[in-house]
All heavy atoms as atom14 arrays in JSON, in Angstrom:
{
  "sequence": "GCVKITPGHDFNDYEMGKRHDLPLLNIFDANAALNDSVPTPYQGLDRF",
  "atom14_mask": [
    [1, 1, 1, 1, 0, 0, 0, 0, 0, 0, 0, 0, 0, 0],
    [1, 1, 1, 1, 1, 1, 0, 0, 0, 0, 0, 0, 0, 0],
    [1, 1, 1, 1, 1, 1, 1, 0, 0, 0, 0, 0, 0, 0],
    [1, 1, 1, 1, 1, 1, 1, 1, 1, 0, 0, 0, 0, 0],
    [1, 1, 1, 1, 1, 1, 1, 1, 0, 0, 0, 0, 0, 0],
    [1, 1, 1, 1, 1, 1, 1, 0, 0, 0, 0, 0, 0, 0],
    [1, 1, 1, 1, 1, 1, 1, 0, 0, 0, 0, 0, 0, 0],
    [1, 1, 1, 1, 0, 0, 0, 0, 0, 0, 0, 0, 0, 0],
    [1, 1, 1, 1, 1, 1, 1, 1, 1, 1, 0, 0, 0, 0],
    [1, 1, 1, 1, 1, 1, 1, 1, 0, 0, 0, 0, 0, 0],
    [1, 1, 1, 1, 1, 1, 1, 1, 1, 1, 1, 0, 0, 0],
    [1, 1, 1, 1, 1, 1, 1, 1, 0, 0, 0, 0, 0, 0],
    [1, 1, 1, 1, 1, 1, 1, 1, 0, 0, 0, 0, 0, 0],
    [1, 1, 1, 1, 1, 1, 1, 1, 1, 1, 1, 1, 0, 0],
    [1, 1, 1, 1, 1, 1, 1, 1, 1, 0, 0, 0, 0, 0],
    [1, 1, 1, 1, 1, 1, 1, 1, 0, 0, 0, 0, 0, 0],
    [1, 1, 1, 1, 0, 0, 0, 0, 0, 0, 0, 0, 0, 0],
    [1, 1, 1, 1, 1, 1, 1, 1, 1, 0, 0, 0, 0, 0],
    [1, 1, 1, 1, 1, 1, 1, 1, 1, 1, 1, 0, 0, 0],
    [1, 1, 1, 1, 1, 1, 1, 1, 1, 1, 0, 0, 0, 0],
    [1, 1, 1, 1, 1, 1, 1, 1, 0, 0, 0, 0, 0, 0],
    [1, 1, 1, 1, 1, 1, 1, 1, 0, 0, 0, 0, 0, 0],
    [1, 1, 1, 1, 1, 1, 1, 0, 0, 0, 0, 0, 0, 0],
    [1, 1, 1, 1, 1, 1, 1, 1, 0, 0, 0, 0, 0, 0],
    [1, 1, 1, 1, 1, 1, 1, 1, 0, 0, 0, 0, 0, 0],
    [1, 1, 1, 1, 1, 1, 1, 1, 0, 0, 0, 0, 0, 0],
    [1, 1, 1, 1, 1, 1, 1, 1, 0, 0, 0, 0, 0, 0],
    [1, 1, 1, 1, 1, 1, 1, 1, 1, 1, 1, 0, 0, 0],
    [1, 1, 1, 1, 1, 1, 1, 1, 0, 0, 0, 0, 0, 0],
    [1, 1, 1, 1, 1, 0, 0, 0, 0, 0, 0, 0, 0, 0],
    [1, 1, 1, 1, 1, 1, 1, 1, 0, 0, 0, 0, 0, 0],
    [1, 1, 1, 1, 1, 0, 0, 0, 0, 0, 0, 0, 0, 0],
    [1, 1, 1, 1, 1, 0, 0, 0, 0, 0, 0, 0, 0, 0],
    [1, 1, 1, 1, 1, 1, 1, 1, 0, 0, 0, 0, 0, 0],
    [1, 1, 1, 1, 1, 1, 1, 1, 0, 0, 0, 0, 0, 0],
    [1, 1, 1, 1, 1, 1, 1, 1, 0, 0, 0, 0, 0, 0],
    [1, 1, 1, 1, 1, 1, 0, 0, 0, 0, 0, 0, 0, 0],
    [1, 1, 1, 1, 1, 1, 1, 0, 0, 0, 0, 0, 0, 0],
    [1, 1, 1, 1, 1, 1, 1, 0, 0, 0, 0, 0, 0, 0],
    [1, 1, 1, 1, 1, 1, 1, 0, 0, 0, 0, 0, 0, 0],
    [1, 1, 1, 1, 1, 1, 1, 0, 0, 0, 0, 0, 0, 0],
    [1, 1, 1, 1, 1, 1, 1, 1, 1, 1, 1, 1, 0, 0],
    [1, 1, 1, 1, 1, 1, 1, 1, 1, 0, 0, 0, 0, 0],
    [1, 1, 1, 1, 0, 0, 0, 0, 0, 0, 0, 0, 0, 0],
    [1, 1, 1, 1, 1, 1, 1, 1, 0, 0, 0, 0, 0, 0],
    [1, 1, 1, 1, 1, 1, 1, 1, 0, 0, 0, 0, 0, 0],
    [1, 1, 1, 1, 1, 1, 1, 1, 1, 1, 1, 0, 0, 0],
    [1, 1, 1, 1, 1, 1, 1, 1, 1, 1, 1, 0, 0, 0]
  ],
  "atom14_positions": [
    [[83.9, 237.51, 36.32], [83.3, 238.84, 36.38], [82.54, 239.17, 35.11], [82.01, 240.25, 34.95], [0.0, 0.0, 0.0], [0.0, 0.0, 0.0], [0.0, 0.0, 0.0], [0.0, 0.0, 0.0], [0.0, 0.0, 0.0], [0.0, 0.0, 0.0], [0.0, 0.0, 0.0], [0.0, 0.0, 0.0], [0.0, 0.0, 0.0], [0.0, 0.0, 0.0]],
    [[82.47, 238.2, 34.2], [81.75, 238.38, 32.93], [80.57, 237.41, 32.92], [80.69, 236.26, 33.32], [82.63, 238.06, 31.74], [84.04, 239.14, 31.56], [0.0, 0.0, 0.0], [0.0, 0.0, 0.0], [0.0, 0.0, 0.0], [0.0, 0.0, 0.0], [0.0, 0.0, 0.0], [0.0, 0.0, 0.0], [0.0, 0.0, 0.0], [0.0, 0.0, 0.0]],
    [[79.41, 237.9, 32.45], [78.25, 237.05, 32.3], [77.52, 237.39, 31.01], [77.62, 238.5, 30.51], [77.26, 237.18, 33.49], [77.88, 236.71, 34.78], [76.76, 238.59, 33.63], [0.0, 0.0, 0.0], [0.0, 0.0, 0.0], [0.0, 0.0, 0.0], [0.0, 0.0, 0.0], [0.0, 0.0, 0.0], [0.0, 0.0, 0.0], [0.0, 0.0, 0.0]],
    [[76.8, 236.42, 30.5], [75.93, 236.64, 29.35], [74.54, 236.92, 29.91], [74.08, 236.22, 30.82], [75.89, 235.4, 28.47], [74.87, 235.46, 27.37], [74.42, 234.09, 26.9], [73.78, 233.24, 27.92], [72.4, 233.54, 28.31], [0.0, 0.0, 0.0], [0.0, 0.0, 0.0], [0.0, 0.0, 0.0], [0.0, 0.0, 0.0], [0.0, 0.0, 0.0]],
    [[73.9, 237.95, 29.42], [72.55, 238.23, 29.9], [71.55, 238.06, 28.77], [71.88, 238.27, 27.6], [72.42, 239.63, 30.54], [72.61, 240.73, 29.52], [73.39, 239.79, 31.69], [72.16, 242.08, 30.03], [0.0, 0.0, 0.0], [0.0, 0.0, 0.0], [0.0, 0.0, 0.0], [0.0, 0.0, 0.0], [0.0, 0.0, 0.0], [0.0, 0.0, 0.0]],
    [[70.37, 237.66, 29.14], [69.28, 237.49, 28.17], [68.06, 238.21, 28.72], [67.28, 237.63, 29.48], [68.97, 236.0, 27.92], [68.79, 235.35, 29.18], [70.08, 235.31, 27.18], [0.0, 0.0, 0.0], [0.0, 0.0, 0.0], [0.0, 0.0, 0.0], [0.0, 0.0, 0.0], [0.0, 0.0, 0.0], [0.0, 0.0, 0.0], [0.0, 0.0, 0.0]],
    [[67.9, 239.5, 28.37], [66.82, 240.31, 28.94], [65.42, 239.74, 28.76], [64.55, 240.01, 29.56], [66.96, 241.65, 28.21], [68.37, 241.7, 27.79], [68.75, 240.27, 27.49], [0.0, 0.0, 0.0], [0.0, 0.0, 0.0], [0.0, 0.0, 0.0], [0.0, 0.0, 0.0], [0.0, 0.0, 0.0], [0.0, 0.0, 0.0], [0.0, 0.0, 0.0]],
    [[65.21, 238.92, 27.74], [63.89, 238.36, 27.51], [63.61, 237.08, 28.27], [62.52, 236.55, 28.19], [0.0, 0.0, 0.0], [0.0, 0.0, 0.0], [0.0, 0.0, 0.0], [0.0, 0.0, 0.0], [0.0, 0.0, 0.0], [0.0, 0.0, 0.0], [0.0, 0.0, 0.0], [0.0, 0.0, 0.0], [0.0, 0.0, 0.0], [0.0, 0.0, 0.0]],
    [[64.59, 236.57, 29.05], [64.41, 235.26, 29.68], [64.71, 235.22, 31.16], [64.66, 234.15, 31.77], [65.28, 234.22, 28.96], [64.94, 234.08, 27.52], [65.82, 234.37, 26.52], [63.79, 233.73, 26.91], [65.22, 234.18, 25.35], [63.99, 233.8, 25.56], [0.0, 0.0, 0.0], [0.0, 0.0, 0.0], [0.0, 0.0, 0.0], [0.0, 0.0, 0.0]],
    [[65.07, 236.34, 31.77], [65.42, 236.34, 33.19], [65.08, 237.71, 33.78], [65.36, 238.74, 33.17], [66.92, 236.06, 33.34], [67.38, 236.1, 34.78], [67.3, 235.07, 35.45], [67.81, 237.18, 35.24], [0.0, 0.0, 0.0], [0.0, 0.0, 0.0], [0.0, 0.0, 0.0], [0.0, 0.0, 0.0], [0.0, 0.0, 0.0], [0.0, 0.0, 0.0]],
    [[64.48, 237.73, 34.97], [64.04, 238.99, 35.58], [65.21, 239.94, 35.86], [65.13, 241.14, 35.58], [63.27, 238.73, 36.88], [61.97, 238.02, 36.66], [61.77, 236.75, 37.16], [60.95, 238.64, 35.94], [60.56, 236.09, 36.95], [59.74, 237.99, 35.73], [59.55, 236.72, 36.24], [0.0, 0.0, 0.0], [0.0, 0.0, 0.0], [0.0, 0.0, 0.0]],
    [[66.3, 239.43, 36.41], [67.46, 240.29, 36.69], [68.1, 240.79, 35.39], [68.51, 241.95, 35.29], [68.49, 239.55, 37.54], [67.97, 239.21, 38.9], [67.33, 240.04, 39.55], [68.2, 238.0, 39.35], [0.0, 0.0, 0.0], [0.0, 0.0, 0.0], [0.0, 0.0, 0.0], [0.0, 0.0, 0.0], [0.0, 0.0, 0.0], [0.0, 0.0, 0.0]],
    [[68.19, 239.91, 34.41], [68.73, 240.31, 33.11], [67.84, 241.36, 32.45], [68.32, 242.27, 31.79], [68.87, 239.1, 32.19], [69.99, 238.17, 32.6], [70.64, 238.42, 33.64], [70.23, 237.19, 31.88], [0.0, 0.0, 0.0], [0.0, 0.0, 0.0], [0.0, 0.0, 0.0], [0.0, 0.0, 0.0], [0.0, 0.0, 0.0], [0.0, 0.0, 0.0]],
    [[66.53, 241.22, 32.64], [65.58, 242.19, 32.09], [65.87, 243.59, 32.64], [65.94, 244.57, 31.9], [64.14, 241.77, 32.4], [63.12, 242.8, 32.01], [62.76, 242.98, 30.68], [62.52, 243.6, 32.98], [61.82, 243.94, 30.32], [61.58, 244.56, 32.63], [61.24, 244.72, 31.3], [60.33, 245.68, 30.94], [0.0, 0.0, 0.0], [0.0, 0.0, 0.0]],
    [[66.06, 243.68, 33.95], [66.35, 244.97, 34.58], [67.68, 245.54, 34.08], [67.8, 246.73, 33.82], [66.35, 244.84, 36.11], [64.98, 244.55, 36.69], [63.96, 245.64, 36.39], [64.32, 246.83, 36.36], [62.78, 245.31, 36.17], [0.0, 0.0, 0.0], [0.0, 0.0, 0.0], [0.0, 0.0, 0.0], [0.0, 0.0, 0.0], [0.0, 0.0, 0.0]],
    [[68.67, 244.68, 33.94], [69.96, 245.13, 33.43], [69.82, 245.58, 31.98], [70.39, 246.59, 31.57], [70.99, 244.0, 33.55], [72.42, 244.48, 33.48], [73.7, 243.19, 33.62], [73.05, 242.0, 34.74], [0.0, 0.0, 0.0], [0.0, 0.0, 0.0], [0.0, 0.0, 0.0], [0.0, 0.0, 0.0], [0.0, 0.0, 0.0], [0.0, 0.0, 0.0]],
    [[69.06, 244.85, 31.21], [68.82, 245.21, 29.81], [68.14, 246.56, 29.69], [68.47, 247.35, 28.81], [0.0, 0.0, 0.0], [0.0, 0.0, 0.0], [0.0, 0.0, 0.0], [0.0, 0.0, 0.0], [0.0, 0.0, 0.0], [0.0, 0.0, 0.0], [0.0, 0.0, 0.0], [0.0, 0.0, 0.0], [0.0, 0.0, 0.0], [0.0, 0.0, 0.0]],
    [[67.18, 246.83, 30.58], [66.5, 248.13, 30.56], [67.49, 249.26, 30.85], [67.45, 250.3, 30.2], [65.38, 248.18, 31.6], [64.12, 247.5, 31.15], [62.89, 247.72, 32.01], [63.06, 248.3, 33.37], [61.83, 248.35, 34.16], [0.0, 0.0, 0.0], [0.0, 0.0, 0.0], [0.0, 0.0, 0.0], [0.0, 0.0, 0.0], [0.0, 0.0, 0.0]],
    [[68.38, 249.03, 31.82], [69.36, 250.08, 32.17], [70.28, 250.4, 31.0], [70.79, 251.52, 30.89], [70.21, 249.64, 33.37], [69.48, 249.68, 34.68], [70.43, 249.58, 35.85], [71.12, 248.31, 35.98], [70.61, 247.22, 36.55], [69.38, 247.23, 37.05], [71.33, 246.11, 36.64], [0.0, 0.0, 0.0], [0.0, 0.0, 0.0], [0.0, 0.0, 0.0]],
    [[70.52, 249.43, 30.12], [71.46, 249.61, 29.02], [70.78, 249.67, 27.65], [71.45, 249.59, 26.62], [72.5, 248.49, 29.05], [73.35, 248.52, 30.28], [74.45, 249.34, 30.4], [73.21, 247.88, 31.47], [74.97, 249.18, 31.61], [74.24, 248.3, 32.27], [0.0, 0.0, 0.0], [0.0, 0.0, 0.0], [0.0, 0.0, 0.0], [0.0, 0.0, 0.0]],
    [[69.46, 249.81, 27.65], [68.69, 249.89, 26.4], [68.96, 248.72, 25.46], [69.09, 248.89, 24.25], [68.95, 251.22, 25.68], [68.48, 252.4, 26.48], [67.39, 252.32, 27.07], [69.21, 253.42, 26.52], [0.0, 0.0, 0.0], [0.0, 0.0, 0.0], [0.0, 0.0, 0.0], [0.0, 0.0, 0.0], [0.0, 0.0, 0.0], [0.0, 0.0, 0.0]],
    [[69.04, 247.52, 26.02], [69.26, 246.34, 25.2], [67.93, 245.86, 24.65], [66.89, 245.98, 25.3], [69.9, 245.21, 26.03], [71.26, 245.53, 26.64], [71.74, 244.35, 27.48], [72.28, 245.87, 25.57], [0.0, 0.0, 0.0], [0.0, 0.0, 0.0], [0.0, 0.0, 0.0], [0.0, 0.0, 0.0], [0.0, 0.0, 0.0], [0.0, 0.0, 0.0]],
    [[67.93, 245.3, 23.44], [66.67, 244.82, 22.86], [66.18, 243.56, 23.57], [66.96, 242.76, 24.07], [67.04, 244.51, 21.41], [68.5, 244.22, 21.45], [69.06, 245.09, 22.55], [0.0, 0.0, 0.0], [0.0, 0.0, 0.0], [0.0, 0.0, 0.0], [0.0, 0.0, 0.0], [0.0, 0.0, 0.0], [0.0, 0.0, 0.0], [0.0, 0.0, 0.0]],
    [[64.86, 243.41, 23.62], [64.25, 242.18, 24.1], [64.03, 241.3, 22.89], [63.25, 241.63, 22.01], [62.91, 242.45, 24.77], [62.95, 243.04, 26.16], [61.53, 243.35, 26.64], [63.63, 242.1, 27.12], [0.0, 0.0, 0.0], [0.0, 0.0, 0.0], [0.0, 0.0, 0.0], [0.0, 0.0, 0.0], [0.0, 0.0, 0.0], [0.0, 0.0, 0.0]],
    [[64.74, 240.21, 22.83], [64.65, 239.33, 21.69], [63.91, 238.06, 22.1], [64.35, 237.33, 22.98], [66.05, 238.98, 21.18], [66.14, 238.06, 19.99], [65.5, 238.7, 18.77], [67.58, 237.71, 19.71], [0.0, 0.0, 0.0], [0.0, 0.0, 0.0], [0.0, 0.0, 0.0], [0.0, 0.0, 0.0], [0.0, 0.0, 0.0], [0.0, 0.0, 0.0]],
    [[62.77, 237.82, 21.47], [62.0, 236.61, 21.73], [62.27, 235.65, 20.58], [62.03, 235.98, 19.42], [60.51, 236.93, 21.83], [59.69, 235.68, 22.06], [60.2, 234.64, 22.44], [58.4, 235.79, 21.82], [0.0, 0.0, 0.0], [0.0, 0.0, 0.0], [0.0, 0.0, 0.0], [0.0, 0.0, 0.0], [0.0, 0.0, 0.0], [0.0, 0.0, 0.0]],
    [[62.74, 234.46, 20.9], [63.04, 233.48, 19.85], [62.02, 232.35, 19.8], [62.2, 231.41, 19.03], [64.46, 232.9, 20.01], [64.6, 232.14, 21.33], [65.5, 234.0, 19.88], [65.86, 231.28, 21.41], [0.0, 0.0, 0.0], [0.0, 0.0, 0.0], [0.0, 0.0, 0.0], [0.0, 0.0, 0.0], [0.0, 0.0, 0.0], [0.0, 0.0, 0.0]],
    [[60.96, 232.45, 20.62], [59.97, 231.37, 20.68], [58.61, 231.82, 20.18], [58.21, 232.97, 20.34], [59.81, 230.87, 22.13], [61.07, 230.3, 22.7], [61.71, 230.93, 23.74], [61.61, 229.13, 22.21], [62.88, 230.41, 24.28], [62.77, 228.6, 22.73], [63.41, 229.25, 23.78], [0.0, 0.0, 0.0], [0.0, 0.0, 0.0], [0.0, 0.0, 0.0]],
    [[57.85, 230.86, 19.62], [56.46, 231.13, 19.3], [55.59, 230.7, 20.48], [56.13, 230.31, 21.53], [56.05, 230.45, 17.98], [56.05, 228.93, 18.05], [56.09, 228.35, 19.16], [55.99, 228.31, 16.97], [0.0, 0.0, 0.0], [0.0, 0.0, 0.0], [0.0, 0.0, 0.0], [0.0, 0.0, 0.0], [0.0, 0.0, 0.0], [0.0, 0.0, 0.0]],
    [[54.3, 230.73, 20.34], [53.38, 230.41, 21.43], [53.5, 228.96, 21.9], [53.1, 228.63, 23.01], [51.94, 230.7, 21.02], [0.0, 0.0, 0.0], [0.0, 0.0, 0.0], [0.0, 0.0, 0.0], [0.0, 0.0, 0.0], [0.0, 0.0, 0.0], [0.0, 0.0, 0.0], [0.0, 0.0, 0.0], [0.0, 0.0, 0.0], [0.0, 0.0, 0.0]],
    [[54.07, 228.09, 21.07], [54.23, 226.67, 21.42], [55.65, 226.33, 21.86], [56.0, 225.15, 21.95], [53.84, 225.79, 20.23], [52.39, 225.96, 19.87], [51.52, 225.94, 20.74], [52.11, 226.16, 18.6], [0.0, 0.0, 0.0], [0.0, 0.0, 0.0], [0.0, 0.0, 0.0], [0.0, 0.0, 0.0], [0.0, 0.0, 0.0], [0.0, 0.0, 0.0]],
    [[56.48, 227.35, 22.07], [57.88, 227.19, 22.48], [58.74, 226.58, 21.38], [59.79, 226.0, 21.65], [58.01, 226.42, 23.78], [0.0, 0.0, 0.0], [0.0, 0.0, 0.0], [0.0, 0.0, 0.0], [0.0, 0.0, 0.0], [0.0, 0.0, 0.0], [0.0, 0.0, 0.0], [0.0, 0.0, 0.0], [0.0, 0.0, 0.0], [0.0, 0.0, 0.0]],
    [[58.31, 226.71, 20.14], [59.15, 226.35, 19.01], [59.91, 227.6, 18.6], [59.48, 228.73, 18.86], [58.31, 225.84, 17.84], [0.0, 0.0, 0.0], [0.0, 0.0, 0.0], [0.0, 0.0, 0.0], [0.0, 0.0, 0.0], [0.0, 0.0, 0.0], [0.0, 0.0, 0.0], [0.0, 0.0, 0.0], [0.0, 0.0, 0.0], [0.0, 0.0, 0.0]],
    [[61.05, 227.44, 17.98], [61.86, 228.59, 17.6], [61.24, 229.31, 16.41], [60.75, 228.69, 15.47], [63.29, 228.15, 17.28], [64.17, 227.98, 18.53], [63.74, 226.81, 19.37], [65.61, 227.89, 18.16], [0.0, 0.0, 0.0], [0.0, 0.0, 0.0], [0.0, 0.0, 0.0], [0.0, 0.0, 0.0], [0.0, 0.0, 0.0], [0.0, 0.0, 0.0]],
    [[61.26, 230.64, 16.49], [60.61, 231.46, 15.46], [61.62, 231.94, 14.42], [62.76, 231.45, 14.36], [59.85, 232.63, 16.11], [60.76, 233.61, 16.83], [61.94, 233.75, 16.51], [60.21, 234.3, 17.81], [0.0, 0.0, 0.0], [0.0, 0.0, 0.0], [0.0, 0.0, 0.0], [0.0, 0.0, 0.0], [0.0, 0.0, 0.0], [0.0, 0.0, 0.0]],
    [[61.25, 232.93, 13.62], [62.12, 233.39, 12.53], [63.21, 234.35, 12.99], [63.93, 234.91, 12.16], [61.3, 233.99, 11.39], [60.49, 235.2, 11.82], [60.51, 235.57, 13.01], [59.83, 235.79, 10.94], [0.0, 0.0, 0.0], [0.0, 0.0, 0.0], [0.0, 0.0, 0.0], [0.0, 0.0, 0.0], [0.0, 0.0, 0.0], [0.0, 0.0, 0.0]],
    [[63.41, 234.52, 14.31], [64.52, 235.32, 14.84], [65.79, 234.5, 14.97], [66.82, 235.03, 15.37], [64.16, 235.9, 16.21], [63.11, 236.83, 16.1], [0.0, 0.0, 0.0], [0.0, 0.0, 0.0], [0.0, 0.0, 0.0], [0.0, 0.0, 0.0], [0.0, 0.0, 0.0], [0.0, 0.0, 0.0], [0.0, 0.0, 0.0], [0.0, 0.0, 0.0]],
    [[65.71, 233.22, 14.66], [66.88, 232.33, 14.77], [67.32, 231.92, 13.36], [66.58, 232.09, 12.4], [66.54, 231.08, 15.62], [66.08, 231.48, 17.02], [65.51, 230.21, 14.95], [0.0, 0.0, 0.0], [0.0, 0.0, 0.0], [0.0, 0.0, 0.0], [0.0, 0.0, 0.0], [0.0, 0.0, 0.0], [0.0, 0.0, 0.0], [0.0, 0.0, 0.0]],
    [[68.53, 231.37, 13.23], [68.98, 230.9, 11.92], [68.0, 229.88, 11.32], [67.38, 229.09, 12.04], [70.34, 230.26, 12.21], [70.82, 230.97, 13.44], [69.58, 231.22, 14.25], [0.0, 0.0, 0.0], [0.0, 0.0, 0.0], [0.0, 0.0, 0.0], [0.0, 0.0, 0.0], [0.0, 0.0, 0.0], [0.0, 0.0, 0.0], [0.0, 0.0, 0.0]],
    [[67.89, 229.9, 10.02], [66.94, 229.08, 9.28], [66.94, 227.6, 9.69], [65.86, 227.02, 9.84], [67.19, 229.21, 7.76], [67.15, 230.59, 7.42], [66.15, 228.47, 6.96], [0.0, 0.0, 0.0], [0.0, 0.0, 0.0], [0.0, 0.0, 0.0], [0.0, 0.0, 0.0], [0.0, 0.0, 0.0], [0.0, 0.0, 0.0], [0.0, 0.0, 0.0]],
    [[68.1, 226.95, 9.9], [68.05, 225.51, 10.24], [67.3, 225.19, 11.54], [66.91, 224.05, 11.76], [69.51, 225.11, 10.37], [70.27, 226.16, 9.64], [69.47, 227.42, 9.75], [0.0, 0.0, 0.0], [0.0, 0.0, 0.0], [0.0, 0.0, 0.0], [0.0, 0.0, 0.0], [0.0, 0.0, 0.0], [0.0, 0.0, 0.0], [0.0, 0.0, 0.0]],
    [[67.1, 226.19, 12.41], [66.46, 225.95, 13.7], [65.02, 226.45, 13.76], [64.3, 226.14, 14.7], [67.29, 226.61, 14.81], [68.73, 226.18, 14.78], [69.71, 227.05, 14.34], [69.1, 224.9, 15.15], [71.04, 226.65, 14.28], [70.42, 224.49, 15.09], [71.39, 225.37, 14.66], [72.69, 224.97, 14.59], [0.0, 0.0, 0.0], [0.0, 0.0, 0.0]],
    [[64.6, 227.2, 12.77], [63.25, 227.77, 12.77], [62.2, 226.66, 12.76], [62.3, 225.7, 12.0], [63.05, 228.69, 11.57], [63.88, 229.94, 11.67], [63.75, 230.83, 10.45], [62.92, 230.61, 9.57], [64.58, 231.86, 10.39], [0.0, 0.0, 0.0], [0.0, 0.0, 0.0], [0.0, 0.0, 0.0], [0.0, 0.0, 0.0], [0.0, 0.0, 0.0]],
    [[61.22, 226.8, 13.64], [60.13, 225.84, 13.71], [60.4, 224.63, 14.59], [59.49, 223.86, 14.87], [0.0, 0.0, 0.0], [0.0, 0.0, 0.0], [0.0, 0.0, 0.0], [0.0, 0.0, 0.0], [0.0, 0.0, 0.0], [0.0, 0.0, 0.0], [0.0, 0.0, 0.0], [0.0, 0.0, 0.0], [0.0, 0.0, 0.0], [0.0, 0.0, 0.0]],
    [[61.64, 224.45, 15.02], [61.97, 223.29, 15.86], [61.51, 223.51, 17.3], [61.55, 224.62, 17.82], [63.48, 223.05, 15.88], [64.14, 222.61, 14.58], [65.65, 222.46, 14.79], [63.54, 221.31, 14.08], [0.0, 0.0, 0.0], [0.0, 0.0, 0.0], [0.0, 0.0, 0.0], [0.0, 0.0, 0.0], [0.0, 0.0, 0.0], [0.0, 0.0, 0.0]],
    [[61.09, 222.44, 17.94], [60.82, 222.48, 19.38], [62.1, 222.88, 20.09], [63.21, 222.53, 19.65], [60.38, 221.08, 19.84], [60.24, 220.99, 21.34], [59.18, 221.38, 21.86], [61.22, 220.56, 21.99], [0.0, 0.0, 0.0], [0.0, 0.0, 0.0], [0.0, 0.0, 0.0], [0.0, 0.0, 0.0], [0.0, 0.0, 0.0], [0.0, 0.0, 0.0]],
    [[61.98, 223.59, 21.19], [63.15, 224.12, 21.89], [64.12, 223.02, 22.31], [65.34, 223.2, 22.28], [62.74, 224.95, 23.09], [62.03, 224.18, 24.18], [61.33, 225.11, 25.15], [60.69, 224.44, 26.25], [59.52, 223.82, 26.2], [58.85, 223.77, 25.06], [59.0, 223.26, 27.27], [0.0, 0.0, 0.0], [0.0, 0.0, 0.0], [0.0, 0.0, 0.0]],
    [[63.62, 221.87, 22.72], [64.49, 220.78, 23.16], [65.2, 220.13, 21.96], [66.37, 219.75, 22.05], [63.71, 219.74, 23.97], [63.14, 220.3, 25.24], [61.78, 220.38, 25.43], [63.98, 220.77, 26.24], [61.25, 220.9, 26.59], [63.46, 221.3, 27.41], [62.1, 221.37, 27.59], [0.0, 0.0, 0.0], [0.0, 0.0, 0.0], [0.0, 0.0, 0.0]]
  ]
}
């Protein structure tokens, strides 16, 4: 009965996030590499 939601990555989660005023957190840049919203060791890495 518990789930993790990611409002920035799923349509249903987005709607749930809006209902609860959750922030939309984008962790990717235009090339799908991780941006500065993630811990330093992962910044700039390709998502895979």
